[in-house]
Structure formats: C-alpha cells, structure tokens
Protein backbone atom coordinates (compact mmCIF):
# COMPACT_ATOMS: atom_id res chain seq x y z
CA MET A 1 108.22 61.27 117.82
CA LYS A 2 109.26 63.68 115.08
CA ALA A 3 107.31 66.45 116.81
CA ILE A 4 109.13 65.77 120.10
CA THR A 5 112.48 65.77 118.29
CA LEU A 6 111.62 69.07 116.63
CA ILE A 7 110.60 70.62 119.96
CA MET A 8 113.83 69.46 121.60
CA ALA A 9 115.84 70.88 118.71
CA VAL A 10 114.11 74.24 119.04
CA LEU A 11 114.68 74.23 122.80
CA GLY A 12 118.33 73.48 122.15
CA VAL A 13 118.64 76.51 119.87
CA VAL A 14 116.90 78.73 122.41
CA SER A 15 119.11 77.46 125.23
CA ALA A 16 122.22 78.12 123.15
CA ALA A 17 121.04 81.67 122.51
CA TRP A 18 120.39 82.23 126.20
CA ALA A 19 123.84 80.93 127.02
CA ASP A 20 125.32 83.74 124.94
CA GLU A 21 123.54 86.41 126.97
CA GLY A 22 124.82 87.91 130.18
CA LYS A 23 122.81 87.46 133.36
CA ALA A 24 122.83 89.87 136.30
CA PHE A 25 124.82 88.95 139.40
CA MET A 26 126.13 90.83 142.42
CA PHE A 27 129.32 90.66 144.44
CA PRO A 28 129.49 92.18 147.94
CA VAL A 29 131.44 95.36 148.65
CA ALA A 30 132.94 95.80 152.10
CA ASP A 31 132.12 98.87 154.20
CA SER A 32 129.16 99.83 152.05
CA GLU A 33 126.30 99.08 154.48
CA GLY A 34 125.49 95.81 152.76
CA ARG A 35 125.60 97.06 149.19
CA GLY A 36 126.99 95.12 146.25
CA LEU A 37 128.31 95.69 142.75
CA ARG A 38 126.06 94.49 139.96
CA TYR A 39 127.60 92.87 136.90
CA PHE A 40 126.54 90.82 133.89
CA ALA A 41 128.18 87.57 132.84
CA GLU A 42 127.34 84.09 131.57
CA HIS A 43 127.84 82.77 135.09
CA PRO A 44 128.94 84.14 138.51
CA LEU A 45 132.58 85.15 138.78
CA ASP A 46 133.27 82.75 141.63
CA GLN A 47 131.80 79.74 139.82
CA LYS A 48 134.45 77.36 138.51
CA ASP A 49 134.85 77.56 134.74
CA ASP A 50 137.22 75.00 133.26
CA LYS A 51 136.24 75.68 129.63
CA SER A 52 136.75 79.39 128.96
CA GLU A 53 140.13 80.17 127.39
CA HIS A 54 139.59 83.91 126.96
CA ALA A 55 137.88 86.53 129.14
CA VAL A 56 136.71 89.98 128.12
CA VAL A 57 135.96 92.59 130.77
CA ILE A 58 134.05 95.36 129.04
CA ILE A 59 133.46 98.79 130.58
CA HIS A 60 130.27 100.51 129.45
CA GLY A 61 129.81 104.04 128.15
CA VAL A 62 128.45 107.13 129.88
CA ASN A 63 124.79 106.06 129.72
CA GLY A 64 125.46 102.39 130.46
CA GLY A 65 125.51 100.43 133.63
CA MET A 66 121.87 99.41 133.72
CA LYS A 67 122.11 96.50 131.29
CA ASP A 68 124.60 94.02 129.87
CA GLY A 69 127.51 96.07 128.54
CA ALA A 70 128.58 93.18 126.33
CA ASP A 71 125.26 93.00 124.48
CA LYS A 72 126.69 94.66 121.36
CA ILE A 73 130.13 93.15 121.34
CA ARG A 74 128.94 89.52 121.32
CA PRO A 75 127.03 89.67 118.00
CA ILE A 76 129.87 91.63 116.39
CA LEU A 77 132.46 89.04 117.37
CA LYS A 78 130.20 86.12 116.42
CA LYS A 79 130.16 87.35 112.82
CA TYR A 80 133.90 86.70 112.58
CA ARG A 81 134.96 84.13 115.17
CA ASP A 82 133.69 81.29 117.34
CA ILE A 83 133.19 82.86 120.79
CA SER A 84 132.25 79.68 122.66
CA SER A 85 135.58 79.85 124.50
CA VAL A 86 135.10 83.48 125.58
CA TYR A 87 133.73 84.53 128.97
CA PHE A 88 132.31 88.08 129.04
CA VAL A 89 132.06 90.18 132.21
CA ALA A 90 130.37 93.59 132.17
CA PRO A 91 130.41 95.50 135.48
CA CYS A 92 127.74 98.12 136.19
CA ILE A 93 129.47 101.30 137.33
CA VAL A 94 126.28 103.32 137.80
CA VAL A 95 125.79 106.92 138.87
CA ASP A 96 123.33 107.88 141.58
CA HIS A 97 120.63 109.41 139.38
CA MET A 98 120.20 106.09 137.54
CA LEU A 99 118.95 104.34 140.68
CA ASP A 100 115.79 104.86 142.69
CA ASP A 101 115.89 105.06 146.49
CA GLU A 102 115.53 101.31 147.01
CA GLN A 103 118.20 100.49 144.45
CA GLN A 104 120.60 102.94 146.08
CA LYS A 105 120.28 100.98 149.32
CA LYS A 106 121.39 97.80 147.55
CA GLN A 107 123.94 98.91 144.96
CA VAL A 108 127.22 100.79 145.13
CA TYR A 109 127.09 103.89 142.95
CA TRP A 110 129.15 106.91 141.94
CA ARG A 111 128.63 110.62 141.33
CA ARG A 112 128.18 111.88 137.79
CA ASP A 113 131.45 112.39 135.86
CA SER A 114 133.60 110.91 138.65
CA TRP A 115 133.75 107.20 137.85
CA GLN A 116 135.74 107.66 134.63
CA SER A 117 138.60 109.06 136.74
CA GLY A 118 138.64 106.20 139.25
CA SER A 119 137.01 108.13 142.09
CA ASP A 120 135.78 106.35 145.19
CA SER A 121 132.11 105.55 145.60
CA PRO A 122 130.41 107.89 148.11
CA VAL A 123 128.75 104.87 149.75
CA ALA A 124 131.73 102.51 150.09
CA LYS A 125 135.04 103.03 151.88
CA ASP A 126 138.11 103.05 149.63
CA PHE A 127 136.27 101.47 146.72
CA SER A 128 136.77 103.18 143.38
CA SER A 129 135.45 102.42 139.93
CA TYR A 130 138.93 101.06 139.17
CA ASP A 131 138.79 98.78 142.21
CA VAL A 132 135.79 97.18 140.49
CA ILE A 133 138.08 95.98 137.70
CA ASP A 134 140.73 94.87 140.20
CA ARG A 135 138.13 92.71 141.96
CA ILE A 136 136.99 91.11 138.72
CA PHE A 137 140.53 90.39 137.60
CA GLU A 138 141.35 88.86 140.98
CA LYS A 139 138.74 86.17 140.27
CA LEU A 140 139.83 85.61 136.67
CA ASN A 141 143.45 85.35 137.83
CA ASP A 142 142.54 82.51 140.21
CA ARG A 143 143.71 79.29 138.59
CA SER A 144 141.41 77.21 140.77
CA LEU A 145 138.42 79.04 139.25
CA TYR A 146 139.65 79.50 135.66
CA PRO A 147 142.28 76.82 135.00
CA ALA A 148 141.98 76.98 131.19
CA LEU A 149 142.12 80.75 130.88
CA LYS A 150 144.87 81.98 128.53
CA THR A 151 144.04 85.66 128.00
CA VAL A 152 142.15 88.49 129.67
CA LEU A 153 141.22 91.63 127.73
CA ILE A 154 140.06 94.70 129.67
CA CYS A 155 138.38 97.05 127.20
CA GLY A 156 136.06 100.00 126.97
CA TYR A 157 134.71 102.46 124.44
CA SER A 158 133.95 106.18 124.84
CA ALA A 159 133.53 106.74 128.61
CA GLY A 160 134.67 103.14 129.04
CA GLY A 161 137.73 104.05 126.98
CA GLN A 162 138.45 106.85 129.45
CA VAL A 163 138.42 104.30 132.26
CA VAL A 164 140.68 101.79 130.52
CA SER A 165 143.19 104.40 129.31
CA ARG A 166 143.76 105.54 132.92
CA TYR A 167 143.36 102.16 134.58
CA VAL A 168 146.13 100.57 132.50
CA ALA A 169 148.47 103.30 133.78
CA THR A 170 147.57 102.98 137.47
CA THR A 171 146.53 99.46 138.43
CA ASP A 172 149.06 97.11 140.02
CA ILE A 173 147.36 93.86 139.00
CA LYS A 174 149.71 91.15 137.75
CA PRO A 175 148.62 88.09 135.78
CA ARG A 176 149.65 84.64 136.95
CA ALA A 177 152.17 82.62 135.00
CA GLY A 178 150.70 81.53 131.67
CA LEU A 179 147.96 84.18 131.63
CA GLU A 180 148.25 87.11 129.21
CA LEU A 181 146.67 90.44 130.12
CA ASN A 182 145.84 93.05 127.47
CA PHE A 183 143.91 96.32 127.30
CA ALA A 184 141.95 98.22 124.64
CA ALA A 185 140.77 101.84 124.91
CA GLY A 186 138.42 103.04 122.19
CA ALA A 187 137.65 106.69 121.37
CA PRO A 188 137.75 108.23 124.85
CA SER A 189 136.72 111.84 125.22
CA SER A 190 140.19 112.61 126.59
CA TRP A 191 143.48 110.84 127.33
CA LEU A 192 145.94 110.74 130.22
CA PHE A 193 148.92 112.83 129.17
CA LEU A 194 152.13 112.17 131.08
CA GLU A 195 152.38 115.74 132.30
CA GLU A 196 152.96 116.38 136.00
CA ALA A 197 151.70 119.96 135.83
CA GLN A 198 148.24 119.01 134.53
CA THR A 199 145.51 117.89 136.95
CA TRP A 200 144.53 114.24 137.26
CA HIS A 201 142.50 112.64 134.51
CA TYR A 202 144.23 114.86 131.96
CA GLY A 203 147.66 114.77 133.63
CA LEU A 204 149.36 113.48 136.78
CA ALA A 205 148.80 116.27 139.33
CA GLU A 206 146.27 116.15 142.21
CA ARG A 207 145.65 112.44 141.86
CA ASN A 208 142.83 110.62 143.65
CA ARG A 209 143.30 107.74 146.11
CA PHE A 210 143.51 104.96 143.53
CA ALA A 211 145.98 106.89 141.37
CA ALA A 212 148.09 108.10 144.30
CA GLY A 213 151.11 106.15 143.08
CA ALA A 214 150.81 107.41 139.51
CA THR A 215 154.05 109.37 139.25
CA ARG A 216 155.45 109.86 135.79
CA ASP A 217 158.06 107.15 136.34
CA SER A 218 155.60 104.62 137.77
CA VAL A 219 153.12 105.21 134.93
CA LEU A 220 155.87 104.77 132.35
CA ASN A 221 156.97 101.54 134.03
CA ARG A 222 153.44 100.15 134.04
CA LEU A 223 152.71 101.10 130.45
CA ALA A 224 156.06 99.77 129.26
CA SER A 225 155.20 96.35 130.72
CA ARG A 226 151.71 96.14 129.16
CA TYR A 227 149.93 96.10 125.82
CA CYS A 228 147.12 98.56 125.15
CA LEU A 229 145.36 98.97 121.83
CA CYS A 230 144.23 102.58 121.37
CA PHE A 231 141.70 103.05 118.58
CA CYS A 232 139.38 105.70 117.18
CA GLY A 233 137.28 106.24 114.08
CA THR A 234 138.68 108.70 111.55
CA GLU A 235 135.27 110.40 111.34
CA ASP A 236 134.79 110.66 115.11
CA ARG A 237 134.60 114.46 115.00
CA ALA A 238 131.20 115.25 116.59
CA ARG A 239 130.89 117.01 119.94
CA GLU A 240 128.03 114.99 121.36
CA TRP A 241 129.00 113.74 124.84
CA LEU A 242 132.46 115.23 124.32
CA ASP A 243 134.38 116.53 127.34
CA MET A 244 134.45 120.30 126.89
CA GLN A 245 136.51 121.14 129.98
CA GLU A 246 139.41 123.50 129.34
CA ALA A 247 141.98 120.77 130.00
CA ALA A 248 140.22 118.47 127.52
CA MET A 249 140.02 121.16 124.85
CA THR A 250 143.80 121.57 124.96
CA GLN A 251 143.99 117.98 123.67
CA GLY A 252 142.01 118.80 120.52
CA ALA A 253 138.63 119.84 119.14
CA ASN A 254 137.17 116.32 118.86
CA ARG A 255 137.92 112.68 119.71
CA TYR A 256 139.84 111.91 116.53
CA GLU A 257 142.01 115.00 116.87
CA ARG A 258 142.69 114.14 120.51
CA PHE A 259 143.58 110.59 119.49
CA LEU A 260 146.14 111.92 116.99
CA ASN A 261 147.59 114.36 119.52
CA PHE A 262 147.89 111.67 122.17
CA ARG A 263 149.67 109.39 119.70
CA LYS A 264 152.13 112.19 118.98
CA HIS A 265 152.60 112.70 122.74
CA VAL A 266 153.34 109.01 123.27
CA GLU A 267 155.93 109.05 120.49
CA GLY A 268 158.05 111.14 122.86
CA PHE A 269 158.50 108.09 125.08
CA PRO A 270 160.42 105.47 123.09
CA GLN A 271 160.02 102.86 125.85
CA LEU A 272 156.29 102.78 125.05
CA LYS A 273 156.75 101.75 121.44
CA GLY A 274 154.92 98.47 120.86
CA HIS A 275 153.10 98.80 124.19
CA LEU A 276 150.65 101.57 123.30
CA VAL A 277 149.53 100.65 119.79
CA PHE A 278 147.39 103.07 117.78
CA VAL A 279 144.81 102.03 115.19
CA GLU A 280 142.73 104.41 113.07
CA VAL A 281 139.40 102.87 112.07
CA GLU A 282 138.74 104.27 108.62
CA GLY A 283 135.43 105.98 107.99
CA LYS A 284 133.90 105.25 111.41
CA LYS A 285 132.11 107.85 113.51
CA HIS A 286 131.54 107.53 117.25
CA GLY A 287 130.01 104.15 117.97
CA GLY A 288 130.60 100.52 118.83
CA ALA A 289 131.16 99.61 115.18
CA CYS A 290 134.86 100.17 115.85
CA TYR A 291 134.79 96.83 117.67
CA GLU A 292 134.63 95.24 114.20
CA ASN A 293 138.20 96.33 113.54
CA PRO A 294 140.40 93.25 112.93
CA ALA A 295 143.00 94.43 115.46
CA PHE A 296 140.42 94.44 118.24
CA ILE A 297 138.86 91.12 117.22
CA LYS A 298 142.26 89.44 117.23
CA LEU A 299 143.13 90.90 120.63
CA VAL A 300 140.06 89.24 122.18
CA PHE A 301 141.89 85.97 121.47
CA GLY A 302 145.31 87.26 122.52
CA GLU A 303 146.52 87.78 118.95
CA LYS A 304 148.49 90.93 118.14
C-alpha cells in the first residue's frame, strides 16, 4: 500500500511538471492552402479556461520558433512567484529555411528578416507576423473562453522585442471591459522612431500592409493609451546578431546605446510619459536573464 502511495505521489509530481510545459498546437490560417500556425501552450487557445487570471504571449528570438518560446521564462518566474494562475502562449513565427519541404506544406512561414517588421507571409493572403498576435489576443479577449482572465502581457526579447516594440504602435486590438493589456519589449536590435522621413521598421515611411495606418499621430495615440515596459541590460554592448543596417546604426553602436537614444527620443513626446517606461537592467548582457528584473515579473501579474 505504501509502495502504491509512493508511486501515485511520484506520478503526481511528474504530471504537475508536465502541466507547466507548453505543448504544440496549430490554428488554421485562411487562404494559405490548408496551412496553419504552430504555437505552444498549456492547452489549445479555443479550449475554455476558467482558472487562468493572467496570460503571457511571448514572442521568440531570431533563432526561435521551433520549440516552446516560454521554456526559459517559466522557470525564471517560478523562482519568485506562483505561476499556477498564468497561461503562457508562444507562437512559432518561423522562417522558410527552418522547415523542410513537408513542413512548409503544413505551416505558414516567413522570409528571413521580414517577420520582425510585421510583413505578410508569402504563403498566406494578408496574414502578417503581427496578425498572429492579433489572432491569439482575439481568443484571450473572449470572455466565454477566459472568464477569469484579468491581464494579458504581450512580450518579447531581442528579435521578439523588435516585434513587440512595433506591434504596440500599430495594432488596433482593444481589451474587453475588466481586462488589462500590457506590453514589454526587451533589448531589440533597433527601435521604431517616430520619424516620418525614415523607412518603416526604423521610422514611419514606406509602411507595409499591417502598418499602413501608422501615421505619426495614430502611433502617438496608440502608445499614449497603452503601457509598454522597455528594458535592456546595461552591458548589452556586443554586436552578435545586431542589426547593422545603416538606418539601425544611426540609432547607436549597440543595443544599450540604442535603448538610451530611443529613451531620449521618446522624452520629446510628453504624452508618452508613463506609457513607455524604461528600465535599465544593471550588469546584464544580451540574454533572457533580463526577465528576472522585478519590473518585468510584476508586469506578468499586472502590477506596475
């Protein structure tokens, strides 16, 4: 009897561990010849969840997309807080070279260095990497599916930070009454400066389909109605995987310098004070360890 009890206890521990890990699911994408978008989560997006109070949508980095993008953030958060009330969703925004021929027939994909800007997939009509986040939020925003949900945090680091820092300025999603929506962009290789003479991704000219409405006034209005935590390590000065395009180099020599210059740029728009919040993570280089910053941990639970 004791042996059976011990076995059941062990199985319970294993099951609890499995419950903390994302599993792969797929949602269909229209006009893509039957392809879908792969994502990782504790359960399918369209499965009713009446327990989760917080949701985290995490956008992977440049080499991600083939596994659970929340695999590092979960253990970090668990060291500081109880995450049993948090539902993690990690979409796979993959580029073509990551998939073999058979996988390309089943999954929506993007071209290299295009998905960070919100470009459309070459194999789906009017479906951008930013539309992926819109689709996920549409489910989370559905009270019939997530009646207990209080907060949604859309976050990303490095290439994922590039996505979030532009997405927050261009998406038209609106949370339902009683649901708080926040954003966090960590150490992107470049930022969206509110300059109409600079090309899209670095500025507001020559925008793509998703960002077509991103005039200076509309971007300011969106940002002034939202909360986005912008963070970067003070030692994030290496050039590995750094955008070296001319437009990016005008922002600074490395990620930390670009972070400081973007903060100075934002200070020129007083209506954004308290909406774009900047946090320097002391002593950190480029890596997910910045997710251990107290400001980020608190934001997962809607605390500012």
